Amino acid sequence: MVRPSQSRILRTFRCKTPSKFYNILLRVWKCLTDNPQIPPSVWAANPELLSLFLALAAKYHEVYQRASHYSSKLDIAEREVIQAQLIAYMDEIASVLEAAAIRYPEILVMSGFDLAKERRNITRASAPQGPSEDGNVQDVEQS
């Protein structure tokens, strides 16, 4: 039986610099905001997760812009604190979306996260054995 390959969300956003994290955040933020292709039932287990994430993402956007323009130490420190909170939310959202992908496989593509395909090594059945060369030698000796 051949199983379709499953995708999973890469958690690369955990160890990114603020500018690269910001780019990933913007992509995920845009994809999760009012996306009709992600059914509301996905968020049923934790209904406040998406709204909390979107509110914190908006705050991070403001703080990131201030920190990059003015280089204030307070803004940079606040950006780091918010980034740590967003990473926790994004981990939880990724888990929810991976669970929902069992029922709705296209949901991962719509999420905005980086994806990886699982490639599993499936052992192949060995080819049927033909007559060996030793069999030919025995036939020659008998003649």
Protein backbone atom coordinates (compact mmCIF):
# COMPACT_ATOMS: atom_id res chain seq x y z
CA MET A 1 0.00 0.00 0.00
CA VAL A 2 1.38 3.38 -0.97
CA ARG A 3 0.65 6.20 1.45
CA PRO A 4 0.51 9.78 0.24
CA SER A 5 3.39 11.85 1.54
CA GLN A 6 2.42 14.11 4.43
CA SER A 7 3.57 17.68 4.84
CA ARG A 8 4.49 19.16 8.15
CA ILE A 9 5.18 22.69 9.33
CA LEU A 10 8.81 23.59 9.84
CA ARG A 11 9.46 25.39 13.10
CA THR A 12 12.29 27.48 11.64
CA PHE A 13 10.76 30.70 12.99
CA ARG A 14 12.12 29.83 16.44
CA CYS A 15 15.73 30.71 15.68
CA LYS A 16 15.46 33.58 13.20
CA THR A 17 16.79 37.09 13.48
CA PRO A 18 14.14 39.76 14.12
CA SER A 19 14.00 40.81 10.45
CA LYS A 20 13.61 37.25 9.15
CA PHE A 21 11.10 36.46 11.91
CA TYR A 22 9.17 39.58 10.93
CA ASN A 23 8.97 38.40 7.31
CA ILE A 24 7.64 34.99 8.38
CA LEU A 25 5.21 36.65 10.80
CA LEU A 26 3.83 38.93 8.09
CA ARG A 27 3.25 35.97 5.77
CA VAL A 28 1.49 33.90 8.45
CA TRP A 29 -0.45 36.93 9.70
CA LYS A 30 -1.72 37.69 6.20
CA CYS A 31 -2.66 34.06 5.49
CA LEU A 32 -4.54 33.53 8.76
CA THR A 33 -6.45 36.82 8.73
CA ASP A 34 -10.02 36.20 7.51
CA ASN A 35 -9.06 33.19 5.41
CA PRO A 36 -12.30 31.55 4.19
CA GLN A 37 -10.41 28.39 3.19
CA ILE A 38 -9.60 27.60 6.84
CA PRO A 39 -12.86 26.42 8.42
CA PRO A 40 -13.81 27.94 11.79
CA SER A 41 -14.04 24.45 13.27
CA VAL A 42 -10.22 24.35 13.26
CA TRP A 43 -10.17 26.91 16.07
CA ALA A 44 -12.99 25.28 18.08
CA ALA A 45 -10.65 23.69 20.65
CA ASN A 46 -8.99 27.03 21.41
CA PRO A 47 -11.25 29.83 20.11
CA GLU A 48 -9.15 32.70 21.48
CA LEU A 49 -5.84 31.47 20.03
CA LEU A 50 -6.21 33.14 16.64
CA SER A 51 -7.49 36.46 18.00
CA LEU A 52 -4.70 36.61 20.61
CA PHE A 53 -2.10 35.83 17.94
CA LEU A 54 -3.44 38.46 15.53
CA ALA A 55 -3.54 41.14 18.25
CA LEU A 56 0.01 40.35 19.36
CA ALA A 57 1.20 40.27 15.74
CA ALA A 58 -0.21 43.79 15.22
CA LYS A 59 1.60 44.97 18.34
CA TYR A 60 4.84 43.34 17.18
CA HIS A 61 4.48 45.11 13.83
CA GLU A 62 4.30 48.50 15.55
CA VAL A 63 7.16 47.77 17.95
CA TYR A 64 9.33 46.34 15.16
CA GLN A 65 8.84 49.48 13.06
CA ARG A 66 9.70 51.74 16.00
CA ALA A 67 12.75 49.67 16.94
CA SER A 68 14.08 49.67 13.39
CA HIS A 69 13.56 53.41 12.87
CA TYR A 70 14.65 54.78 16.23
CA SER A 71 16.86 51.98 17.62
CA SER A 72 15.50 52.57 21.10
CA LYS A 73 16.77 50.05 23.64
CA LEU A 74 13.32 49.91 25.23
CA ASP A 75 11.68 49.14 21.89
CA ILE A 76 14.28 46.49 21.10
CA ALA A 77 13.75 44.84 24.49
CA GLU A 78 9.96 44.96 24.04
CA ARG A 79 10.33 43.47 20.55
CA GLU A 80 12.31 40.54 21.98
CA VAL A 81 9.69 39.87 24.65
CA ILE A 82 6.83 39.99 22.14
CA GLN A 83 8.79 37.80 19.72
CA ALA A 84 9.14 35.11 22.42
CA GLN A 85 5.38 35.23 23.05
CA LEU A 86 4.64 35.05 19.33
CA ILE A 87 6.90 32.01 18.96
CA ALA A 88 4.83 30.23 21.62
CA TYR A 89 1.59 31.17 19.82
CA MET A 90 2.98 30.14 16.43
CA ASP A 91 4.05 26.76 17.85
CA GLU A 92 0.54 26.18 19.14
CA ILE A 93 -1.05 27.33 15.88
CA ALA A 94 1.26 25.03 13.92
CA SER A 95 0.19 22.09 16.09
CA VAL A 96 -3.49 22.91 15.60
CA LEU A 97 -3.06 23.23 11.84
CA GLU A 98 -1.11 19.97 11.57
CA ALA A 99 -3.90 18.20 13.44
CA ALA A 100 -6.53 19.79 11.18
CA ALA A 101 -4.51 18.79 8.10
CA ILE A 102 -5.60 15.20 8.63
CA ARG A 103 -9.12 16.22 7.68
CA TYR A 104 -8.27 19.20 5.44
CA PRO A 105 -4.88 18.49 3.74
CA GLU A 106 -4.80 21.81 1.86
CA ILE A 107 -4.89 23.79 5.11
CA LEU A 108 -1.10 23.67 5.56
CA VAL A 109 -0.47 25.27 2.19
CA MET A 110 -2.89 28.08 3.07
CA SER A 111 -1.29 28.72 6.46
CA GLY A 112 1.76 30.71 5.37
CA PHE A 113 4.19 28.57 7.34
CA ASP A 114 7.24 26.94 5.75
CA LEU A 115 6.51 23.30 4.93
CA ALA A 116 8.58 20.14 4.68
CA LYS A 117 7.52 16.92 3.00
CA GLU A 118 8.06 13.70 4.84
CA ARG A 119 9.87 11.15 2.79
CA ARG A 120 9.69 7.67 4.23
CA ASN A 121 11.87 4.86 3.08
CA ILE A 122 9.67 1.98 2.09
CA THR A 123 11.49 -1.26 1.56
CA ARG A 124 10.90 -2.67 -1.85
CA ALA A 125 10.05 -6.27 -2.41
CA SER A 126 13.03 -8.16 -3.78
CA ALA A 127 12.95 -9.06 -7.45
CA PRO A 128 12.08 -12.68 -8.25
CA GLN A 129 15.14 -14.85 -8.60
CA GLY A 130 15.84 -16.27 -12.03
CA PRO A 131 17.87 -19.38 -12.72
CA SER A 132 21.33 -19.02 -11.28
CA GLU A 133 24.53 -19.41 -13.22
CA ASP A 134 25.34 -22.46 -11.15
CA GLY A 135 22.28 -24.15 -12.65
CA ASN A 136 23.72 -23.61 -16.13
CA VAL A 137 27.05 -25.12 -15.08
CA GLN A 138 25.32 -28.23 -13.76
CA ASP A 139 23.40 -28.60 -17.03
CA VAL A 140 26.65 -28.38 -19.01
CA GLU A 141 28.33 -31.00 -16.83
CA GLN A 142 25.46 -33.44 -17.32
CA SER A 143 25.67 -33.21 -21.13
